[in-house]
């Protein structure tokens, strides 16, 4: 999740990519993936896909589920990349808050004979889901707090500048009125 906290119109372009290694044919190939020629080529042959793309967005959130070890037969992690682009804005830089939250999915061993272990794993996963959602909401609230703080500071600068400008205008007007009135009274006395 990301949020633009300062700069211009609070907007930015972003693209999220996921890079994965092609699945193996057999789990036993995992032991040879780092030194067997054809498997090294397969390991190095990665696939990059665009998960999501944001244009002129001020905030964004995305959930990505990487392929499981049961699907890929190798368990090599997926690499998630987010690229932020502010090239459309020639004047104003952007300030961003972003965070990646990683959550492991439940993977039950199909060979497990203990149903109680599977039930405990499912219960733990359910409670972990609640905690993960709580962490997500907490992060969103922190980002909103930071955004409000930045906007408040910006507003304070604008109001302070307006007050200083008004004080200068009033001081110039007072000096002008004083000079004009003293000149007028001096001219009246001279007659």
N, C-alpha and C. Protein backbone atom coordinates (compact mmCIF):
# COMPACT_ATOMS: atom_id res chain seq x y z
N UNK A 1 0.84 -1.16 0.00
CA UNK A 1 0.00 0.00 0.00
C UNK A 1 0.89 1.23 0.00
N UNK A 2 0.42 2.28 -0.68
CA UNK A 2 1.19 3.52 -0.73
C UNK A 2 0.23 4.70 -0.68
N UNK A 3 0.78 5.85 -0.29
CA UNK A 3 0.00 7.07 -0.25
C UNK A 3 0.95 8.24 -0.49
N UNK A 4 0.55 9.17 -1.35
CA UNK A 4 1.33 10.38 -1.59
C UNK A 4 0.98 11.36 -0.48
N UNK A 5 1.99 11.80 0.27
CA UNK A 5 1.72 12.69 1.39
C UNK A 5 2.04 14.15 1.11
N UNK A 6 2.83 14.42 0.08
CA UNK A 6 3.16 15.82 -0.19
C UNK A 6 3.65 15.95 -1.62
N UNK A 7 3.42 17.11 -2.19
CA UNK A 7 3.94 17.42 -3.50
C UNK A 7 2.88 17.57 -4.56
N UNK A 8 2.81 18.75 -5.15
CA UNK A 8 1.92 18.99 -6.28
C UNK A 8 0.47 18.67 -5.98
N UNK A 9 -0.13 17.88 -6.84
CA UNK A 9 -1.53 17.50 -6.70
C UNK A 9 -1.69 16.19 -5.95
N UNK A 10 -0.67 15.78 -5.21
CA UNK A 10 -0.69 14.54 -4.45
C UNK A 10 -0.97 13.34 -5.36
N UNK A 11 -0.35 13.29 -6.55
CA UNK A 11 -0.58 12.18 -7.47
C UNK A 11 0.75 11.66 -8.01
N UNK A 12 0.75 10.39 -8.39
CA UNK A 12 1.95 9.75 -8.91
C UNK A 12 1.53 8.53 -9.74
N UNK A 13 2.41 8.12 -10.65
CA UNK A 13 2.19 6.90 -11.42
C UNK A 13 2.97 5.77 -10.74
N UNK A 14 2.40 4.58 -10.72
CA UNK A 14 3.07 3.43 -10.11
C UNK A 14 2.72 2.17 -10.88
N UNK A 15 3.68 1.26 -10.92
CA UNK A 15 3.47 -0.04 -11.56
C UNK A 15 4.03 -1.11 -10.63
N UNK A 16 3.26 -2.17 -10.42
CA UNK A 16 3.69 -3.29 -9.57
C UNK A 16 3.94 -4.51 -10.45
N UNK A 17 5.15 -5.07 -10.33
CA UNK A 17 5.56 -6.24 -11.10
C UNK A 17 5.78 -7.42 -10.15
N UNK A 18 5.55 -8.62 -10.66
CA UNK A 18 5.88 -9.85 -9.94
C UNK A 18 6.76 -10.70 -10.84
N UNK A 19 7.91 -11.11 -10.31
CA UNK A 19 8.85 -11.94 -11.05
C UNK A 19 8.89 -13.32 -10.40
N UNK A 20 8.60 -14.34 -11.19
CA UNK A 20 8.57 -15.71 -10.66
C UNK A 20 9.42 -16.63 -11.54
N UNK A 21 9.84 -17.73 -10.95
CA UNK A 21 10.59 -18.76 -11.65
C UNK A 21 9.59 -19.82 -12.12
N UNK A 22 9.79 -20.31 -13.33
CA UNK A 22 8.88 -21.32 -13.89
C UNK A 22 8.84 -22.56 -12.99
N UNK A 23 7.69 -23.21 -12.90
CA UNK A 23 7.60 -24.41 -12.05
C UNK A 23 8.43 -25.57 -12.59
N UNK A 24 8.90 -26.38 -11.68
CA UNK A 24 9.64 -27.59 -12.04
C UNK A 24 8.66 -28.71 -12.35
N UNK A 25 9.17 -29.76 -12.97
CA UNK A 25 8.31 -30.90 -13.31
C UNK A 25 8.16 -31.85 -12.13
N UNK A 26 9.19 -31.90 -11.29
CA UNK A 26 9.18 -32.86 -10.20
C UNK A 26 9.86 -32.24 -8.98
N UNK A 27 9.42 -32.60 -7.80
CA UNK A 27 9.99 -32.07 -6.57
C UNK A 27 11.45 -32.48 -6.43
N UNK A 28 11.83 -33.65 -6.92
CA UNK A 28 13.21 -34.12 -6.78
C UNK A 28 14.19 -33.26 -7.57
N UNK A 29 13.72 -32.52 -8.55
CA UNK A 29 14.61 -31.63 -9.30
C UNK A 29 15.10 -30.47 -8.44
N UNK A 30 14.43 -30.22 -7.33
CA UNK A 30 14.81 -29.12 -6.44
C UNK A 30 16.22 -29.31 -5.92
N UNK A 31 16.62 -30.54 -5.69
CA UNK A 31 17.97 -30.79 -5.15
C UNK A 31 19.06 -30.46 -6.15
N UNK A 32 18.72 -30.44 -7.45
CA UNK A 32 19.72 -30.19 -8.49
C UNK A 32 19.57 -28.82 -9.14
N UNK A 33 18.67 -27.98 -8.65
CA UNK A 33 18.34 -26.72 -9.34
C UNK A 33 19.51 -25.75 -9.37
N UNK A 34 20.46 -25.88 -8.44
CA UNK A 34 21.55 -24.90 -8.36
C UNK A 34 22.82 -25.34 -9.08
N UNK A 35 22.90 -26.60 -9.51
CA UNK A 35 24.14 -27.03 -10.18
C UNK A 35 23.93 -27.85 -11.45
N UNK A 36 22.74 -28.20 -11.80
CA UNK A 36 22.46 -28.97 -13.01
C UNK A 36 22.15 -27.98 -14.14
N UNK A 37 22.88 -28.07 -15.25
CA UNK A 37 22.81 -27.10 -16.35
C UNK A 37 21.41 -26.71 -16.80
N UNK A 38 20.60 -27.67 -17.26
CA UNK A 38 19.26 -27.30 -17.74
C UNK A 38 18.38 -26.69 -16.65
N UNK A 39 18.56 -27.15 -15.41
CA UNK A 39 17.76 -26.59 -14.31
C UNK A 39 18.22 -25.18 -13.94
N UNK A 40 19.53 -24.93 -14.08
CA UNK A 40 20.03 -23.57 -13.83
C UNK A 40 19.43 -22.61 -14.85
N UNK A 41 19.37 -23.05 -16.10
CA UNK A 41 18.75 -22.22 -17.14
C UNK A 41 17.29 -21.96 -16.80
N UNK A 42 16.59 -23.00 -16.33
CA UNK A 42 15.19 -22.84 -15.96
C UNK A 42 15.05 -21.88 -14.77
N UNK A 43 15.99 -21.99 -13.80
CA UNK A 43 15.96 -21.13 -12.63
C UNK A 43 16.19 -19.67 -13.02
N UNK A 44 17.11 -19.45 -13.96
CA UNK A 44 17.42 -18.09 -14.38
C UNK A 44 16.39 -17.51 -15.34
N UNK A 45 15.58 -18.36 -15.95
CA UNK A 45 14.55 -17.92 -16.89
C UNK A 45 13.30 -17.52 -16.09
N UNK A 46 13.25 -16.27 -15.72
CA UNK A 46 12.14 -15.79 -14.89
C UNK A 46 11.07 -15.14 -15.75
N UNK A 47 9.88 -15.06 -15.20
CA UNK A 47 8.75 -14.43 -15.87
C UNK A 47 8.33 -13.22 -15.05
N UNK A 48 8.25 -12.07 -15.69
CA UNK A 48 7.81 -10.86 -15.02
C UNK A 48 6.46 -10.45 -15.58
N UNK A 49 5.51 -10.26 -14.69
CA UNK A 49 4.17 -9.84 -15.11
C UNK A 49 3.78 -8.58 -14.36
N UNK A 50 2.94 -7.77 -15.00
CA UNK A 50 2.41 -6.57 -14.36
C UNK A 50 1.21 -6.98 -13.51
N UNK A 51 1.29 -6.73 -12.21
CA UNK A 51 0.21 -7.09 -11.30
C UNK A 51 -0.85 -5.99 -11.30
N UNK A 52 -0.40 -4.74 -11.21
CA UNK A 52 -1.34 -3.61 -11.20
C UNK A 52 -0.60 -2.37 -11.67
N UNK A 53 -1.37 -1.41 -12.15
CA UNK A 53 -0.81 -0.16 -12.65
C UNK A 53 -1.71 0.98 -12.19
N UNK A 54 -1.10 2.02 -11.64
CA UNK A 54 -1.84 3.19 -11.17
C UNK A 54 -1.38 4.40 -11.97
N UNK A 55 -2.31 5.22 -12.44
CA UNK A 55 -2.00 6.45 -13.16
C UNK A 55 -2.58 7.62 -12.38
N UNK A 56 -1.73 8.58 -12.08
CA UNK A 56 -2.11 9.79 -11.35
C UNK A 56 -2.91 9.45 -10.09
N UNK A 57 -2.45 8.48 -9.35
CA UNK A 57 -3.12 8.03 -8.13
C UNK A 57 -2.50 8.71 -6.92
N UNK A 58 -3.32 8.98 -5.91
CA UNK A 58 -2.77 9.54 -4.68
C UNK A 58 -2.63 8.47 -3.60
N UNK A 59 -3.21 7.30 -3.84
CA UNK A 59 -3.02 6.17 -2.94
C UNK A 59 -3.32 4.88 -3.69
N UNK A 60 -2.83 3.79 -3.17
CA UNK A 60 -3.09 2.51 -3.81
C UNK A 60 -2.76 1.36 -2.88
N UNK A 61 -3.44 0.26 -3.12
CA UNK A 61 -3.23 -0.94 -2.33
C UNK A 61 -3.42 -2.15 -3.24
N UNK A 62 -2.63 -3.17 -3.04
CA UNK A 62 -2.72 -4.35 -3.89
C UNK A 62 -2.37 -5.59 -3.09
N UNK A 63 -3.10 -6.65 -3.32
CA UNK A 63 -2.80 -7.94 -2.72
C UNK A 63 -2.30 -8.87 -3.82
N UNK A 64 -1.18 -9.51 -3.56
CA UNK A 64 -0.60 -10.44 -4.53
C UNK A 64 -0.32 -11.76 -3.82
N UNK A 65 -0.78 -12.84 -4.38
CA UNK A 65 -0.52 -14.16 -3.83
C UNK A 65 0.46 -14.88 -4.75
N UNK A 66 1.63 -15.15 -4.22
CA UNK A 66 2.67 -15.85 -5.00
C UNK A 66 2.30 -17.32 -5.13
N UNK A 67 2.80 -17.98 -6.17
CA UNK A 67 2.54 -19.41 -6.31
C UNK A 67 3.12 -20.18 -5.11
N UNK A 68 2.40 -21.18 -4.66
CA UNK A 68 2.85 -21.96 -3.50
C UNK A 68 3.94 -22.94 -3.93
N UNK A 69 4.63 -23.46 -2.93
CA UNK A 69 5.68 -24.46 -3.21
C UNK A 69 5.08 -25.72 -3.81
N UNK A 70 3.84 -26.03 -3.47
CA UNK A 70 3.18 -27.20 -4.05
C UNK A 70 2.94 -27.00 -5.55
N UNK A 71 2.69 -25.76 -5.96
CA UNK A 71 2.45 -25.47 -7.38
C UNK A 71 3.76 -25.43 -8.17
N UNK A 72 4.78 -24.79 -7.60
CA UNK A 72 6.02 -24.59 -8.35
C UNK A 72 7.00 -25.74 -8.22
N UNK A 73 6.88 -26.52 -7.18
CA UNK A 73 7.75 -27.67 -6.88
C UNK A 73 9.18 -27.25 -6.52
N UNK A 74 9.43 -25.95 -6.34
CA UNK A 74 10.78 -25.54 -5.95
C UNK A 74 10.78 -24.61 -4.74
N UNK A 75 9.74 -23.87 -4.50
CA UNK A 75 9.67 -23.02 -3.32
C UNK A 75 10.51 -21.76 -3.41
N UNK A 76 11.05 -21.45 -4.59
CA UNK A 76 11.80 -20.20 -4.73
C UNK A 76 10.82 -19.03 -4.61
N UNK A 77 11.20 -17.98 -3.91
CA UNK A 77 10.25 -16.89 -3.68
C UNK A 77 9.99 -16.06 -4.93
N UNK A 78 8.81 -15.48 -4.96
CA UNK A 78 8.48 -14.52 -6.02
C UNK A 78 9.03 -13.17 -5.59
N UNK A 79 9.46 -12.39 -6.56
CA UNK A 79 9.99 -11.06 -6.28
C UNK A 79 8.96 -10.04 -6.72
N UNK A 80 8.55 -9.18 -5.79
CA UNK A 80 7.56 -8.14 -6.09
C UNK A 80 8.29 -6.81 -6.15
N UNK A 81 8.07 -6.06 -7.23
CA UNK A 81 8.72 -4.77 -7.43
C UNK A 81 7.66 -3.72 -7.70
N UNK A 82 7.80 -2.57 -7.06
CA UNK A 82 6.90 -1.45 -7.33
C UNK A 82 7.76 -0.28 -7.81
N UNK A 83 7.42 0.25 -8.98
CA UNK A 83 8.15 1.39 -9.55
C UNK A 83 7.25 2.61 -9.50
N UNK A 84 7.75 3.67 -8.87
CA UNK A 84 7.02 4.93 -8.81
C UNK A 84 7.61 5.88 -9.85
N UNK A 85 6.76 6.59 -10.58
CA UNK A 85 7.21 7.46 -11.66
C UNK A 85 6.55 8.83 -11.50
N UNK A 86 7.38 9.85 -11.38
CA UNK A 86 6.89 11.22 -11.23
C UNK A 86 7.34 12.07 -12.42
N UNK A 87 7.60 11.45 -13.56
CA UNK A 87 8.15 12.18 -14.70
C UNK A 87 7.15 13.16 -15.30
N UNK A 88 5.85 12.98 -15.07
CA UNK A 88 4.87 13.92 -15.62
C UNK A 88 4.89 15.25 -14.87
N UNK A 89 5.47 15.28 -13.68
CA UNK A 89 5.53 16.50 -12.89
C UNK A 89 6.92 17.10 -13.03
N UNK A 90 6.99 18.24 -13.68
CA UNK A 90 8.30 18.85 -13.94
C UNK A 90 8.79 19.71 -12.78
N UNK A 91 7.88 20.14 -11.91
CA UNK A 91 8.25 21.09 -10.87
C UNK A 91 8.29 20.46 -9.49
N UNK A 92 7.24 19.75 -9.12
CA UNK A 92 7.10 19.35 -7.72
C UNK A 92 7.55 17.91 -7.48
N UNK A 93 8.44 17.73 -6.50
CA UNK A 93 8.78 16.36 -6.08
C UNK A 93 7.64 15.79 -5.24
N UNK A 94 7.65 14.50 -5.05
CA UNK A 94 6.60 13.83 -4.28
C UNK A 94 7.20 13.15 -3.06
N UNK A 95 6.43 13.13 -1.99
CA UNK A 95 6.78 12.41 -0.78
C UNK A 95 5.79 11.26 -0.65
N UNK A 96 6.32 10.05 -0.47
CA UNK A 96 5.48 8.85 -0.41
C UNK A 96 5.67 8.11 0.90
N UNK A 97 4.59 7.50 1.34
CA UNK A 97 4.65 6.50 2.39
C UNK A 97 4.23 5.19 1.76
N UNK A 98 5.02 4.15 1.92
CA UNK A 98 4.59 2.86 1.40
C UNK A 98 5.08 1.76 2.32
N UNK A 99 4.36 0.66 2.26
CA UNK A 99 4.72 -0.48 3.10
C UNK A 99 4.31 -1.77 2.41
N UNK A 100 5.18 -2.77 2.53
CA UNK A 100 4.87 -4.11 2.05
C UNK A 100 4.56 -4.97 3.27
N UNK A 101 3.42 -5.61 3.26
CA UNK A 101 3.07 -6.54 4.33
C UNK A 101 3.10 -7.95 3.75
N UNK A 102 3.89 -8.82 4.34
CA UNK A 102 4.00 -10.20 3.86
C UNK A 102 3.21 -11.10 4.78
N UNK A 103 2.46 -11.97 4.16
CA UNK A 103 1.65 -12.91 4.93
C UNK A 103 1.77 -14.28 4.28
N UNK A 104 2.09 -15.27 5.07
CA UNK A 104 2.20 -16.63 4.56
C UNK A 104 0.82 -17.27 4.52
N UNK A 105 0.57 -17.97 3.43
CA UNK A 105 -0.69 -18.70 3.30
C UNK A 105 -0.58 -20.05 3.98
N UNK A 106 -1.72 -20.57 4.34
CA UNK A 106 -1.73 -21.87 4.99
C UNK A 106 -1.44 -22.95 3.95
N UNK A 107 -0.50 -23.82 4.29
CA UNK A 107 -0.18 -24.95 3.43
C UNK A 107 -0.22 -26.20 4.29
N UNK A 108 -1.29 -26.95 4.15
CA UNK A 108 -1.44 -28.18 4.91
C UNK A 108 -0.82 -29.33 4.13
N UNK A 109 -0.09 -30.15 4.83
CA UNK A 109 0.52 -31.31 4.20
C UNK A 109 -0.57 -32.35 3.94
N UNK A 110 -0.79 -32.72 2.67
CA UNK A 110 -1.85 -33.69 2.39
C UNK A 110 -1.56 -35.07 2.98
N UNK A 111 -0.31 -35.33 3.31
CA UNK A 111 0.05 -36.63 3.87
C UNK A 111 -0.16 -36.69 5.37
N UNK A 112 -0.56 -35.58 5.96
CA UNK A 112 -0.75 -35.54 7.40
C UNK A 112 -1.94 -36.42 7.80
N UNK A 113 -1.71 -37.22 8.81
CA UNK A 113 -2.80 -38.09 9.27
C UNK A 113 -3.50 -37.52 10.48
N UNK A 114 -2.88 -36.57 11.13
CA UNK A 114 -3.48 -36.01 12.34
C UNK A 114 -4.45 -34.89 11.98
N UNK A 115 -5.71 -35.16 12.16
CA UNK A 115 -6.73 -34.14 11.87
C UNK A 115 -6.67 -33.01 12.88
N UNK A 116 -6.25 -33.32 14.09
CA UNK A 116 -6.19 -32.26 15.10
C UNK A 116 -5.13 -31.23 14.73
N UNK A 117 -4.01 -31.69 14.16
CA UNK A 117 -2.99 -30.74 13.73
C UNK A 117 -3.53 -29.83 12.64
N UNK A 118 -4.26 -30.39 11.70
CA UNK A 118 -4.84 -29.59 10.63
C UNK A 118 -5.85 -28.60 11.19
N UNK A 119 -6.65 -29.02 12.16
CA UNK A 119 -7.63 -28.12 12.77
C UNK A 119 -6.93 -26.99 13.51
N UNK A 120 -5.86 -27.31 14.23
CA UNK A 120 -5.10 -26.28 14.95
C UNK A 120 -4.48 -25.31 13.95
N UNK A 121 -3.92 -25.83 12.86
CA UNK A 121 -3.32 -24.96 11.83
C UNK A 121 -4.36 -24.01 11.24
N UNK A 122 -5.55 -24.54 10.95
CA UNK A 122 -6.62 -23.70 10.39
C UNK A 122 -7.06 -22.63 11.38
N UNK A 123 -7.17 -22.99 12.66
CA UNK A 123 -7.55 -22.01 13.68
C UNK A 123 -6.48 -20.94 13.82
N UNK A 124 -5.22 -21.35 13.85
CA UNK A 124 -4.13 -20.37 13.92
C UNK A 124 -4.12 -19.47 12.70
N UNK A 125 -4.38 -20.03 11.55
CA UNK A 125 -4.42 -19.23 10.32
C UNK A 125 -5.56 -18.23 10.38
N UNK A 126 -6.71 -18.64 10.90
CA UNK A 126 -7.86 -17.74 11.03
C UNK A 126 -7.51 -16.56 11.94
N UNK A 127 -6.88 -16.86 13.09
CA UNK A 127 -6.48 -15.78 14.00
C UNK A 127 -5.39 -14.91 13.37
N UNK A 128 -4.49 -15.52 12.62
CA UNK A 128 -3.47 -14.75 11.91
C UNK A 128 -4.08 -13.82 10.88
N UNK A 129 -5.17 -14.26 10.24
CA UNK A 129 -5.87 -13.41 9.27
C UNK A 129 -6.42 -12.17 9.95
N UNK A 130 -7.00 -12.34 11.13
CA UNK A 130 -7.53 -11.19 11.87
C UNK A 130 -6.40 -10.23 12.23
N UNK A 131 -5.28 -10.77 12.70
CA UNK A 131 -4.14 -9.92 13.05
C UNK A 131 -3.56 -9.21 11.83
N UNK A 132 -3.52 -9.90 10.70
CA UNK A 132 -3.02 -9.28 9.47
C UNK A 132 -3.93 -8.13 9.04
N UNK A 133 -5.24 -8.34 9.10
CA UNK A 133 -6.18 -7.27 8.75
C UNK A 133 -6.04 -6.10 9.72
N UNK A 134 -5.81 -6.39 11.00
CA UNK A 134 -5.60 -5.34 11.98
C UNK A 134 -4.33 -4.55 11.65
N UNK A 135 -3.27 -5.24 11.26
CA UNK A 135 -2.03 -4.55 10.88
C UNK A 135 -2.24 -3.69 9.64
N UNK A 136 -3.04 -4.17 8.70
CA UNK A 136 -3.33 -3.40 7.48
C UNK A 136 -4.09 -2.13 7.82
N UNK A 137 -5.12 -2.25 8.64
CA UNK A 137 -5.92 -1.07 9.03
C UNK A 137 -5.07 -0.09 9.83
N UNK A 138 -4.22 -0.61 10.70
CA UNK A 138 -3.33 0.26 11.49
C UNK A 138 -2.39 1.04 10.58
N UNK A 139 -1.85 0.38 9.56
CA UNK A 139 -0.96 1.07 8.62
C UNK A 139 -1.71 2.13 7.84
N UNK A 140 -2.94 1.83 7.43
CA UNK A 140 -3.73 2.83 6.71
C UNK A 140 -4.00 4.04 7.60
N UNK A 141 -4.30 3.80 8.86
CA UNK A 141 -4.53 4.91 9.79
C UNK A 141 -3.26 5.72 10.00
N UNK A 142 -2.10 5.05 10.08
CA UNK A 142 -0.83 5.77 10.24
C UNK A 142 -0.56 6.64 9.02
N UNK A 143 -0.83 6.11 7.83
CA UNK A 143 -0.63 6.89 6.62
C UNK A 143 -1.57 8.09 6.57
N UNK A 144 -2.82 7.90 6.98
CA UNK A 144 -3.76 9.02 7.01
C UNK A 144 -3.30 10.08 8.01
N UNK A 145 -2.79 9.63 9.17
CA UNK A 145 -2.30 10.58 10.17
C UNK A 145 -1.13 11.39 9.61
N UNK A 146 -0.22 10.72 8.92
CA UNK A 146 0.93 11.42 8.33
C UNK A 146 0.47 12.39 7.24
N UNK A 147 -0.49 11.97 6.43
CA UNK A 147 -1.02 12.84 5.38
C UNK A 147 -1.68 14.07 6.00
N UNK A 148 -2.46 13.87 7.05
CA UNK A 148 -3.10 15.01 7.73
C UNK A 148 -2.06 15.94 8.35
N UNK A 149 -0.99 15.37 8.91
CA UNK A 149 0.06 16.19 9.51
C UNK A 149 0.74 17.06 8.45
N UNK A 150 1.03 16.47 7.29
CA UNK A 150 1.68 17.22 6.22
C UNK A 150 0.76 18.32 5.70
N UNK A 151 -0.52 17.99 5.50
CA UNK A 151 -1.46 19.00 5.02
C UNK A 151 -1.66 20.10 6.05
N UNK A 152 -1.68 19.74 7.33
CA UNK A 152 -1.81 20.75 8.38
C UNK A 152 -0.60 21.68 8.39
N UNK A 153 0.59 21.11 8.26
CA UNK A 153 1.80 21.94 8.23
C UNK A 153 1.78 22.86 7.01
N UNK A 154 1.33 22.37 5.87
CA UNK A 154 1.23 23.19 4.67
C UNK A 154 0.22 24.31 4.87
N UNK A 155 -0.90 23.99 5.49
CA UNK A 155 -1.92 25.00 5.76
C UNK A 155 -1.41 26.06 6.73
N UNK A 156 -0.63 25.65 7.72
CA UNK A 156 -0.05 26.61 8.67
C UNK A 156 0.87 27.58 7.93
N UNK A 157 1.67 27.08 6.99
CA UNK A 157 2.56 27.96 6.21
C UNK A 157 1.75 28.94 5.36
N UNK A 158 0.67 28.47 4.77
CA UNK A 158 -0.16 29.36 3.94
C UNK A 158 -0.81 30.43 4.80
N UNK A 159 -1.36 30.04 5.95
CA UNK A 159 -2.02 31.02 6.83
C UNK A 159 -0.99 32.01 7.39
N UNK A 160 0.18 31.52 7.77
CA UNK A 160 1.23 32.41 8.28
C UNK A 160 1.66 33.40 7.20
N UNK A 161 1.83 32.94 5.99
CA UNK A 161 2.17 33.84 4.89
C UNK A 161 1.09 34.88 4.66
N UNK A 162 -0.18 34.47 4.72
CA UNK A 162 -1.28 35.41 4.57
C UNK A 162 -1.30 36.45 5.68
N UNK A 163 -1.05 36.01 6.92
CA UNK A 163 -1.03 36.95 8.04
C UNK A 163 0.11 37.95 7.91
N UNK A 164 1.29 37.47 7.55
CA UNK A 164 2.43 38.38 7.36
C UNK A 164 2.13 39.36 6.24
N UNK A 165 1.54 38.89 5.15
CA UNK A 165 1.16 39.78 4.05
C UNK A 165 0.15 40.83 4.50
N UNK A 166 -0.86 40.43 5.27
CA UNK A 166 -1.85 41.39 5.77
C UNK A 166 -1.21 42.41 6.71
N UNK A 167 -0.30 41.96 7.57
CA UNK A 167 0.38 42.89 8.49
C UNK A 167 1.20 43.90 7.70
N UNK A 168 1.91 43.45 6.66
CA UNK A 168 2.68 44.37 5.83
C UNK A 168 1.77 45.38 5.13
N UNK A 169 0.67 44.91 4.60
CA UNK A 169 -0.27 45.83 3.92
C UNK A 169 -0.81 46.84 4.91
N UNK A 170 -1.19 46.39 6.12
CA UNK A 170 -1.70 47.33 7.13
C UNK A 170 -0.63 48.33 7.56
N UNK A 171 0.62 47.89 7.71
CA UNK A 171 1.70 48.80 8.09
C UNK A 171 1.95 49.83 6.99
N UNK A 172 1.94 49.40 5.73
CA UNK A 172 2.13 50.34 4.62
C UNK A 172 0.97 51.32 4.56
N UNK A 173 -0.26 50.83 4.74
CA UNK A 173 -1.44 51.72 4.73
C UNK A 173 -1.37 52.72 5.88
N UNK A 174 -0.95 52.26 7.08
CA UNK A 174 -0.85 53.17 8.23
C UNK A 174 0.21 54.24 7.97
N UNK A 175 1.36 53.85 7.42
CA UNK A 175 2.40 54.84 7.12
C UNK A 175 1.92 55.82 6.06
N UNK A 176 1.24 55.32 5.04
CA UNK A 176 0.70 56.20 3.99
C UNK A 176 -0.33 57.17 4.57
N UNK A 177 -1.23 56.66 5.39
CA UNK A 177 -2.23 57.55 6.00
C UNK A 177 -1.58 58.58 6.91
N UNK A 178 -0.57 58.18 7.69
CA UNK A 178 0.11 59.12 8.58
C UNK A 178 0.78 60.23 7.77
N UNK A 179 1.52 59.83 6.72
CA UNK A 179 2.20 60.83 5.90
C UNK A 179 1.21 61.74 5.19
N UNK A 180 0.16 61.19 4.67
CA UNK A 180 -0.85 61.99 3.96
C UNK A 180 -1.54 62.94 4.92
N UNK A 181 -1.92 62.45 6.11
CA UNK A 181 -2.62 63.29 7.08
C UNK A 181 -1.70 64.39 7.61
N UNK A 182 -0.44 64.09 7.92
CA UNK A 182 0.47 65.14 8.41
C UNK A 182 0.75 66.17 7.31
N UNK A 183 0.87 65.76 6.08
CA UNK A 183 1.07 66.68 4.97
C UNK A 183 -0.16 67.58 4.80
N UNK A 184 -1.35 66.95 4.91
CA UNK A 184 -2.59 67.72 4.78
C UNK A 184 -2.71 68.74 5.90
N UNK A 185 -2.43 68.32 7.16
CA UNK A 185 -2.54 69.25 8.29
C UNK A 185 -1.47 70.34 8.21
N UNK A 186 -0.27 70.01 7.76
CA UNK A 186 0.78 71.03 7.61
C UNK A 186 0.39 72.02 6.53
N UNK A 187 -0.24 71.54 5.49
CA UNK A 187 -0.69 72.42 4.41
C UNK A 187 -1.81 73.33 4.91
N UNK A 188 -2.72 72.82 5.78
CA UNK A 188 -3.83 73.62 6.32
C UNK A 188 -3.30 74.69 7.28
N UNK A 189 -2.28 74.37 8.07
CA UNK A 189 -1.73 75.34 9.01
C UNK A 189 -0.98 76.46 8.28
N UNK A 190 -0.39 76.10 7.19
CA UNK A 190 0.38 77.08 6.44
C UNK A 190 -0.52 78.13 5.84
N UNK A 191 -1.76 77.87 5.61
CA UNK A 191 -2.67 78.83 5.01
C UNK A 191 -3.12 79.77 6.02
